[in-house]
PDB file of N, CA and C in Angstrom:
ATOM      1  N   UNK A   1       0.959  -1.772  -0.514  1.00  0.00           N
ATOM      2  CA  UNK A   1      -0.035  -0.045  -0.460  1.00  0.00           C
ATOM      3  C   UNK A   1       0.780   0.940   0.177  1.00  0.00           C
ATOM      4  N   UNK A   2       0.499   2.566  -0.793  1.00  0.00           N
ATOM      5  CA  UNK A   2       1.262   3.497  -1.408  1.00  0.00           C
ATOM      6  C   UNK A   2       0.953   4.046   0.191  1.00  0.00           C
ATOM      7  N   UNK A   3       1.608   5.306   0.059  1.00  0.00           N
ATOM      8  CA  UNK A   3       1.454   6.246   0.955  1.00  0.00           C
ATOM      9  C   UNK A   3       0.511   7.735   1.030  1.00  0.00           C
ATOM     10  N   UNK A   4      -0.051   8.268   2.268  1.00  0.00           N
ATOM     11  CA  UNK A   4      -1.537   9.403   1.093  1.00  0.00           C
ATOM     12  C   UNK A   4      -0.355  10.780   0.301  1.00  0.00           C
ATOM     13  N   UNK A   5       1.338  11.182   1.274  1.00  0.00           N
ATOM     14  CA  UNK A   5       1.787  11.553  -0.089  1.00  0.00           C
ATOM     15  C   UNK A   5       2.117  10.677  -1.295  1.00  0.00           C
ATOM     16  N   UNK A   6       2.042   9.666  -1.244  1.00  0.00           N
ATOM     17  CA  UNK A   6       2.810   8.807  -2.499  1.00  0.00           C
ATOM     18  C   UNK A   6       1.430   8.444  -3.407  1.00  0.00           C
ATOM     19  N   UNK A   7       0.808   8.618  -3.005  1.00  0.00           N
ATOM     20  CA  UNK A   7      -1.643   9.329  -3.681  1.00  0.00           C
ATOM     21  C   UNK A   7      -0.822  10.368  -3.857  1.00  0.00           C
ATOM     22  N   UNK A   8      -0.722  11.312  -3.212  1.00  0.00           N
ATOM     23  CA  UNK A   8      -1.071  12.590  -3.790  1.00  0.00           C
ATOM     24  C   UNK A   8       0.337  12.826  -4.932  1.00  0.00           C
ATOM     25  N   UNK A   9       1.537  12.232  -5.479  1.00  0.00           N
ATOM     26  CA  UNK A   9       2.442  12.719  -5.729  1.00  0.00           C
ATOM     27  C   UNK A   9       1.521  12.246  -7.950  1.00  0.00           C
ATOM     28  N   UNK A  10       1.184  10.565  -7.020  1.00  0.00           N
ATOM     29  CA  UNK A  10       1.047  10.166  -7.863  1.00  0.00           C
ATOM     30  C   UNK A  10      -0.329  11.005  -8.799  1.00  0.00           C
ATOM     31  N   UNK A  11      -1.548  11.825  -7.521  1.00  0.00           N
ATOM     32  CA  UNK A  11      -2.167  11.981  -8.717  1.00  0.00           C
ATOM     33  C   UNK A  11      -2.612  12.639  -9.444  1.00  0.00           C
ATOM     34  N   UNK A  12      -0.910  13.481  -8.780  1.00  0.00           N
ATOM     35  CA  UNK A  12      -0.594  14.703  -9.397  1.00  0.00           C
ATOM     36  C   UNK A  12      -0.388  14.207 -11.040  1.00  0.00           C
ATOM     37  N   UNK A  13       0.937  13.367 -10.897  1.00  0.00           N
ATOM     38  CA  UNK A  13       1.409  13.116 -12.331  1.00  0.00           C
ATOM     39  C   UNK A  13       0.530  12.217 -13.326  1.00  0.00           C
ATOM     40  N   UNK A  14      -0.484  12.403 -12.849  1.00  0.00           N
ATOM     41  CA  UNK A  14      -2.188  11.523 -13.766  1.00  0.00           C
ATOM     42  C   UNK A  14      -2.740  12.534 -14.231  1.00  0.00           C
ATOM     43  N   UNK A  15      -2.560  14.072 -13.738  1.00  0.00           N
ATOM     44  CA  UNK A  15      -3.467  15.082 -14.734  1.00  0.00           C
ATOM     45  C   UNK A  15      -2.116  15.548 -15.822  1.00  0.00           C
ATOM     46  N   UNK A  16      -1.267  15.266 -15.160  1.00  0.00           N
ATOM     47  CA  UNK A  16      -0.485  15.396 -16.254  1.00  0.00           C
ATOM     48  C   UNK A  16       0.131  14.648 -16.866  1.00  0.00           C
ATOM     49  N   UNK A  17      -0.912  13.622 -17.041  1.00  0.00           N
ATOM     50  CA  UNK A  17      -0.794  12.190 -18.106  1.00  0.00           C
ATOM     51  C   UNK A  17       1.429  11.593 -17.574  1.00  0.00           C
ATOM     52  N   UNK A  18       1.381  11.541 -17.067  1.00  0.00           N
ATOM     53  CA  UNK A  18       2.295  11.301 -16.187  1.00  0.00           C
ATOM     54  C   UNK A  18       2.665  10.007 -15.865  1.00  0.00           C
ATOM     55  N   UNK A  19       2.062   9.811 -14.499  1.00  0.00           N
ATOM     56  CA  UNK A  19       1.624   8.633 -14.543  1.00  0.00           C
ATOM     57  C   UNK A  19       1.823   7.036 -15.024  1.00  0.00           C
ATOM     58  N   UNK A  20       2.529   6.430 -14.420  1.00  0.00           N
ATOM     59  CA  UNK A  20       2.729   4.990 -14.920  1.00  0.00           C
ATOM     60  C   UNK A  20       1.249   3.601 -14.977  1.00  0.00           C
ATOM     61  N   UNK A  21       0.686   2.690 -15.577  1.00  0.00           N
ATOM     62  CA  UNK A  21       0.139   1.463 -16.020  1.00  0.00           C
ATOM     63  C   UNK A  21       0.481   1.470 -13.984  1.00  0.00           C
ATOM     64  N   UNK A  22       0.805   1.056 -14.143  1.00  0.00           N
ATOM     65  CA  UNK A  22       1.253   0.914 -12.473  1.00  0.00           C
ATOM     66  C   UNK A  22       0.990   1.681 -11.255  1.00  0.00           C
ATOM     67  N   UNK A  23       1.565   2.852 -11.530  1.00  0.00           N
ATOM     68  CA  UNK A  23       1.396   4.154 -10.100  1.00  0.00           C
ATOM     69  C   UNK A  23      -0.531   4.360 -10.342  1.00  0.00           C
ATOM     70  N   UNK A  24      -0.960   3.912 -11.237  1.00  0.00           N
ATOM     71  CA  UNK A  24      -2.648   4.388 -11.269  1.00  0.00           C
ATOM     72  C   UNK A  24      -3.349   2.974 -11.295  1.00  0.00           C
ATOM     73  N   UNK A  25      -2.703   1.539 -10.715  1.00  0.00           N
ATOM     74  CA  UNK A  25      -3.631   0.509 -10.071  1.00  0.00           C
ATOM     75  C   UNK A  25      -2.904   1.627  -8.169  1.00  0.00           C
ATOM     76  N   UNK A  26      -2.356   1.528  -7.828  1.00  0.00           N
ATOM     77  CA  UNK A  26      -1.837   1.519  -7.042  1.00  0.00           C
ATOM     78  C   UNK A  26      -2.412   2.739  -5.968  1.00  0.00           C
ATOM     79  N   UNK A  27      -2.484   3.624  -7.043  1.00  0.00           N
ATOM     80  CA  UNK A  27      -3.527   4.955  -6.711  1.00  0.00           C
ATOM     81  C   UNK A  27      -4.965   4.270  -6.794  1.00  0.00           C
ATOM     82  N   UNK A  28      -5.262   3.475  -7.570  1.00  0.00           N
ATOM     83  CA  UNK A  28      -7.067   3.571  -7.083  1.00  0.00           C
ATOM     84  C   UNK A  28      -7.091   2.261  -6.066  1.00  0.00           C
ATOM     85  N   UNK A  29      -6.151   1.509  -5.690  1.00  0.00           N
ATOM     86  CA  UNK A  29      -6.072   0.545  -4.572  1.00  0.00           C
ATOM     87  C   UNK A  29      -6.043   1.328  -3.202  1.00  0.00           C
ATOM     88  N   UNK A  30      -5.426   3.226  -3.221  1.00  0.00           N
ATOM     89  CA  UNK A  30      -5.045   3.030  -2.092  1.00  0.00           C
ATOM     90  C   UNK A  30      -6.521   4.436  -1.602  1.00  0.00           C
ATOM     91  N   UNK A  31      -7.158   4.835  -2.705  1.00  0.00           N
ATOM     92  CA  UNK A  31      -8.038   5.362  -2.929  1.00  0.00           C
ATOM     93  C   UNK A  31      -9.322   4.393  -2.660  1.00  0.00           C
ATOM     94  N   UNK A  32      -9.291   3.695  -2.936  1.00  0.00           N
ATOM     95  CA  UNK A  32     -10.475   2.293  -2.224  1.00  0.00           C
ATOM     96  C   UNK A  32     -10.790   2.024  -0.507  1.00  0.00           C
ATOM     97  N   UNK A  33      -9.151   2.838  -0.422  1.00  0.00           N
ATOM     98  CA  UNK A  33      -9.407   2.636   1.599  1.00  0.00           C
ATOM     99  C   UNK A  33      -8.877   3.954   1.811  1.00  0.00           C
ATOM    100  N   UNK A  34      -8.701   4.989   1.308  1.00  0.00           N
ATOM    101  CA  UNK A  34      -8.406   5.934   1.732  1.00  0.00           C
ATOM    102  C   UNK A  34     -10.048   7.584   1.743  1.00  0.00           C
ATOM    103  N   UNK A  35     -10.577   7.937   1.964  1.00  0.00           N
ATOM    104  CA  UNK A  35     -12.018   8.206   1.267  1.00  0.00           C
ATOM    105  C   UNK A  35     -11.065   9.933   1.003  1.00  0.00           C
ATOM    106  N   UNK A  36      -9.888  10.198   2.506  1.00  0.00           N
ATOM    107  CA  UNK A  36      -9.675  11.963   2.259  1.00  0.00           C
ATOM    108  C   UNK A  36      -8.451  11.609   0.898  1.00  0.00           C
ATOM    109  N   UNK A  37      -7.882  11.463   0.311  1.00  0.00           N
ATOM    110  CA  UNK A  37      -6.909  11.558  -0.775  1.00  0.00           C
ATOM    111  C   UNK A  37      -7.844  11.232  -2.222  1.00  0.00           C
ATOM    112  N   UNK A  38      -8.941  10.101  -1.624  1.00  0.00           N
ATOM    113  CA  UNK A  38     -10.149  10.324  -3.184  1.00  0.00           C
ATOM    114  C   UNK A  38     -10.799  11.492  -3.049  1.00  0.00           C
ATOM    115  N   UNK A  39     -11.298  12.539  -2.126  1.00  0.00           N
ATOM    116  CA  UNK A  39     -12.004  14.039  -2.268  1.00  0.00           C
ATOM    117  C   UNK A  39     -10.336  14.022  -2.515  1.00  0.00           C
ATOM    118  N   UNK A  40      -9.431  14.167  -2.430  1.00  0.00           N
ATOM    119  CA  UNK A  40      -8.389  15.176  -3.276  1.00  0.00           C
ATOM    120  C   UNK A  40      -8.511  15.337  -4.419  1.00  0.00           C
ATOM    121  N   UNK A  41      -8.130  13.270  -4.722  1.00  0.00           N
ATOM    122  CA  UNK A  41      -8.023  13.500  -6.115  1.00  0.00           C
ATOM    123  C   UNK A  41     -10.034  14.199  -6.843  1.00  0.00           C
ATOM    124  N   UNK A  42     -10.284  14.409  -6.040  1.00  0.00           N
ATOM    125  CA  UNK A  42     -11.741  14.871  -6.731  1.00  0.00           C
ATOM    126  C   UNK A  42     -11.467  16.753  -6.912  1.00  0.00           C
ATOM    127  N   UNK A  43     -11.521  16.674  -6.759  1.00  0.00           N
ATOM    128  CA  UNK A  43     -11.592  17.882  -6.086  1.00  0.00           C
ATOM    129  C   UNK A  43      -9.731  18.200  -7.126  1.00  0.00           C
ATOM    130  N   UNK A  44      -9.018  17.753  -6.993  1.00  0.00           N
ATOM    131  CA  UNK A  44      -7.352  17.713  -8.306  1.00  0.00           C
ATOM    132  C   UNK A  44      -7.903  18.080  -9.775  1.00  0.00           C
ATOM    133  N   UNK A  45      -8.991  16.736  -9.943  1.00  0.00           N
ATOM    134  CA  UNK A  45      -9.882  16.268 -11.062  1.00  0.00           C
ATOM    135  C   UNK A  45     -10.216  17.478 -11.409  1.00  0.00           C
ATOM    136  N   UNK A  46     -10.996  18.884 -10.624  1.00  0.00           N
ATOM    137  CA  UNK A  46     -12.070  19.476 -11.255  1.00  0.00           C
ATOM    138  C   UNK A  46     -11.560  20.554 -11.351  1.00  0.00           C
ATOM    139  N   UNK A  47      -9.914  20.283 -10.937  1.00  0.00           N
ATOM    140  CA  UNK A  47      -9.565  21.766 -10.653  1.00  0.00           C
ATOM    141  C   UNK A  47      -8.941  21.962 -12.590  1.00  0.00           C
ATOM    142  N   UNK A  48      -8.377  20.691 -12.333  1.00  0.00           N
ATOM    143  CA  UNK A  48      -7.708  20.493 -13.659  1.00  0.00           C
ATOM    144  C   UNK A  48      -8.244  21.103 -14.663  1.00  0.00           C
ATOM    145  N   UNK A  49      -9.635  19.896 -14.448  1.00  0.00           N
ATOM    146  CA  UNK A  49     -10.522  21.056 -16.206  1.00  0.00           C
ATOM    147  C   UNK A  49     -10.919  21.765 -16.612  1.00  0.00           C
ATOM    148  N   UNK A  50     -11.119  22.706 -14.576  1.00  0.00           N
ATOM    149  CA  UNK A  50     -11.314  24.424 -14.593  1.00  0.00           C
ATOM    150  C   UNK A  50     -10.757  25.329 -15.923  1.00  0.00           C
ATOM    151  N   UNK A  51      -9.247  24.338 -15.231  1.00  0.00           N
ATOM    152  CA  UNK A  51      -8.032  25.411 -15.793  1.00  0.00           C
ATOM    153  C   UNK A  51      -7.780  25.320 -17.092  1.00  0.00           C
ATOM    154  N   UNK A  52      -8.310  23.772 -17.706  1.00  0.00           N
ATOM    155  CA  UNK A  52      -8.258  22.984 -19.211  1.00  0.00           C
ATOM    156  C   UNK A  52      -9.320  24.760 -19.223  1.00  0.00           C
ATOM    157  N   UNK A  53     -10.002  24.361 -19.032  1.00  0.00           N
ATOM    158  CA  UNK A  53     -11.938  25.159 -19.853  1.00  0.00           C
ATOM    159  C   UNK A  53     -11.750  26.642 -20.115  1.00  0.00           C
ATOM    160  N   UNK A  54     -10.533  26.991 -18.793  1.00  0.00           N
ATOM    161  CA  UNK A  54     -10.554  28.401 -18.967  1.00  0.00           C
ATOM    162  C   UNK A  54      -9.361  28.779 -20.033  1.00  0.00           C
ATOM    163  N   UNK A  55      -8.911  27.790 -20.473  1.00  0.00           N
ATOM    164  CA  UNK A  55      -7.569  27.822 -20.883  1.00  0.00           C
ATOM    165  C   UNK A  55      -6.016  28.325 -20.830  1.00  0.00           C
ATOM    166  N   UNK A  56      -6.160  28.181 -19.437  1.00  0.00           N
ATOM    167  CA  UNK A  56      -4.508  29.213 -18.090  1.00  0.00           C
ATOM    168  C   UNK A  56      -3.603  28.358 -19.297  1.00  0.00           C
ATOM    169  N   UNK A  57      -2.524  28.595 -19.365  1.00  0.00           N
ATOM    170  CA  UNK A  57      -1.493  28.088 -19.455  1.00  0.00           C
ATOM    171  C   UNK A  57      -0.459  29.397 -18.857  1.00  0.00           C
ATOM    172  N   UNK A  58       1.184  28.506 -18.218  1.00  0.00           N
ATOM    173  CA  UNK A  58       1.912  29.229 -17.750  1.00  0.00           C
ATOM    174  C   UNK A  58       2.510  30.316 -18.835  1.00  0.00           C
ATOM    175  N   UNK A  59       3.484  31.402 -19.175  1.00  0.00           N
ATOM    176  CA  UNK A  59       4.581  31.921 -19.776  1.00  0.00           C
ATOM    177  C   UNK A  59       5.248  31.134 -19.966  1.00  0.00           C
ATOM    178  N   UNK A  60       5.838  31.072 -21.882  1.00  0.00           N
ATOM    179  CA  UNK A  60       6.947  30.785 -21.735  1.00  0.00           C
ATOM    180  C   UNK A  60       7.979  31.218 -21.061  1.00  0.00           C
ATOM    181  N   UNK A  61       9.218  30.416 -21.653  1.00  0.00           N
ATOM    182  CA  UNK A  61      10.546  31.382 -21.210  1.00  0.00           C
ATOM    183  C   UNK A  61      10.537  32.579 -21.902  1.00  0.00           C
ATOM    184  N   UNK A  62      10.205  32.740 -23.127  1.00  0.00           N
ATOM    185  CA  UNK A  62      10.609  33.698 -23.915  1.00  0.00           C
ATOM    186  C   UNK A  62       9.641  35.297 -23.755  1.00  0.00           C
ATOM    187  N   UNK A  63       8.588  34.689 -23.369  1.00  0.00           N
ATOM    188  CA  UNK A  63       7.571  35.492 -23.047  1.00  0.00           C
ATOM    189  C   UNK A  63       7.830  36.377 -21.692  1.00  0.00           C
ATOM    190  N   UNK A  64       8.422  35.466 -20.388  1.00  0.00           N
ATOM    191  CA  UNK A  64       8.704  35.767 -19.051  1.00  0.00           C
ATOM    192  C   UNK A  64       9.726  36.872 -19.970  1.00  0.00           C
ATOM    193  N   UNK A  65      10.843  36.485 -20.495  1.00  0.00           N
ATOM    194  CA  UNK A  65      12.231  37.566 -20.597  1.00  0.00           C
ATOM    195  C   UNK A  65      11.734  38.863 -20.860  1.00  0.00           C
ATOM    196  N   UNK A  66      10.632  38.574 -22.331  1.00  0.00           N
ATOM    197  CA  UNK A  66      10.527  39.755 -22.159  1.00  0.00           C
ATOM    198  C   UNK A  66       9.741  40.805 -22.034  1.00  0.00           C
ATOM    199  N   UNK A  67       8.303  40.261 -21.780  1.00  0.00           N
ATOM    200  CA  UNK A  67       7.930  41.026 -20.390  1.00  0.00           C
ATOM    201  C   UNK A  67       8.587  41.455 -18.949  1.00  0.00           C
ATOM    202  N   UNK A  68       9.842  40.822 -18.748  1.00  0.00           N
ATOM    203  CA  UNK A  68      10.863  41.497 -17.820  1.00  0.00           C
ATOM    204  C   UNK A  68      11.879  42.202 -18.555  1.00  0.00           C
ATOM    205  N   UNK A  69      11.791  42.638 -19.934  1.00  0.00           N
ATOM    206  CA  UNK A  69      13.186  43.089 -20.339  1.00  0.00           C
ATOM    207  C   UNK A  69      12.029  44.687 -20.729  1.00  0.00           C
ATOM    208  N   UNK A  70      10.525  44.601 -21.213  1.00  0.00           N
ATOM    209  CA  UNK A  70       9.620  45.330 -21.361  1.00  0.00           C
ATOM    210  C   UNK A  70       9.731  46.406 -20.087  1.00  0.00           C
ATOM    211  N   UNK A  71       9.016  45.693 -18.753  1.00  0.00           N
ATOM    212  CA  UNK A  71       9.332  46.184 -17.487  1.00  0.00           C
ATOM    213  C   UNK A  71      10.385  46.935 -17.318  1.00  0.00           C
ATOM    214  N   UNK A  72      11.246  45.889 -17.382  1.00  0.00           N
ATOM    215  CA  UNK A  72      12.434  46.839 -17.358  1.00  0.00           C
ATOM    216  C   UNK A  72      12.979  48.370 -18.490  1.00  0.00           C
ATOM    217  N   UNK A  73      12.686  48.426 -19.053  1.00  0.00           N
ATOM    218  CA  UNK A  73      12.197  49.767 -19.303  1.00  0.00           C
ATOM    219  C   UNK A  73      11.371  50.511 -19.767  1.00  0.00           C
ATOM    220  N   UNK A  74      10.780  50.321 -19.015  1.00  0.00           N
ATOM    221  CA  UNK A  74       9.403  51.211 -18.326  1.00  0.00           C
ATOM    222  C   UNK A  74      10.170  51.904 -16.861  1.00  0.00           C
ATOM    223  N   UNK A  75      11.001  51.789 -16.440  1.00  0.00           N
ATOM    224  CA  UNK A  75      11.258  51.995 -14.725  1.00  0.00           C
ATOM    225  C   UNK A  75      12.942  51.591 -15.196  1.00  0.00           C
TER     226      UNK A  75
END
């Protein structure tokens, strides 16, 4: 059995499609017995879906550098 900490890590990896098949099986077994982690996974899945629906994304390194230069030039 995996710990709750390991379950949270696998849950996050699953959201980004990085979890292996074995990790997913371990997570499902853990979620079957741990209702706290099951609730966390449900909320995490909902949060990820809402972010995708809102088209939230992080800035690329180029965008970050460009923004930094623009701010430096203004001040």
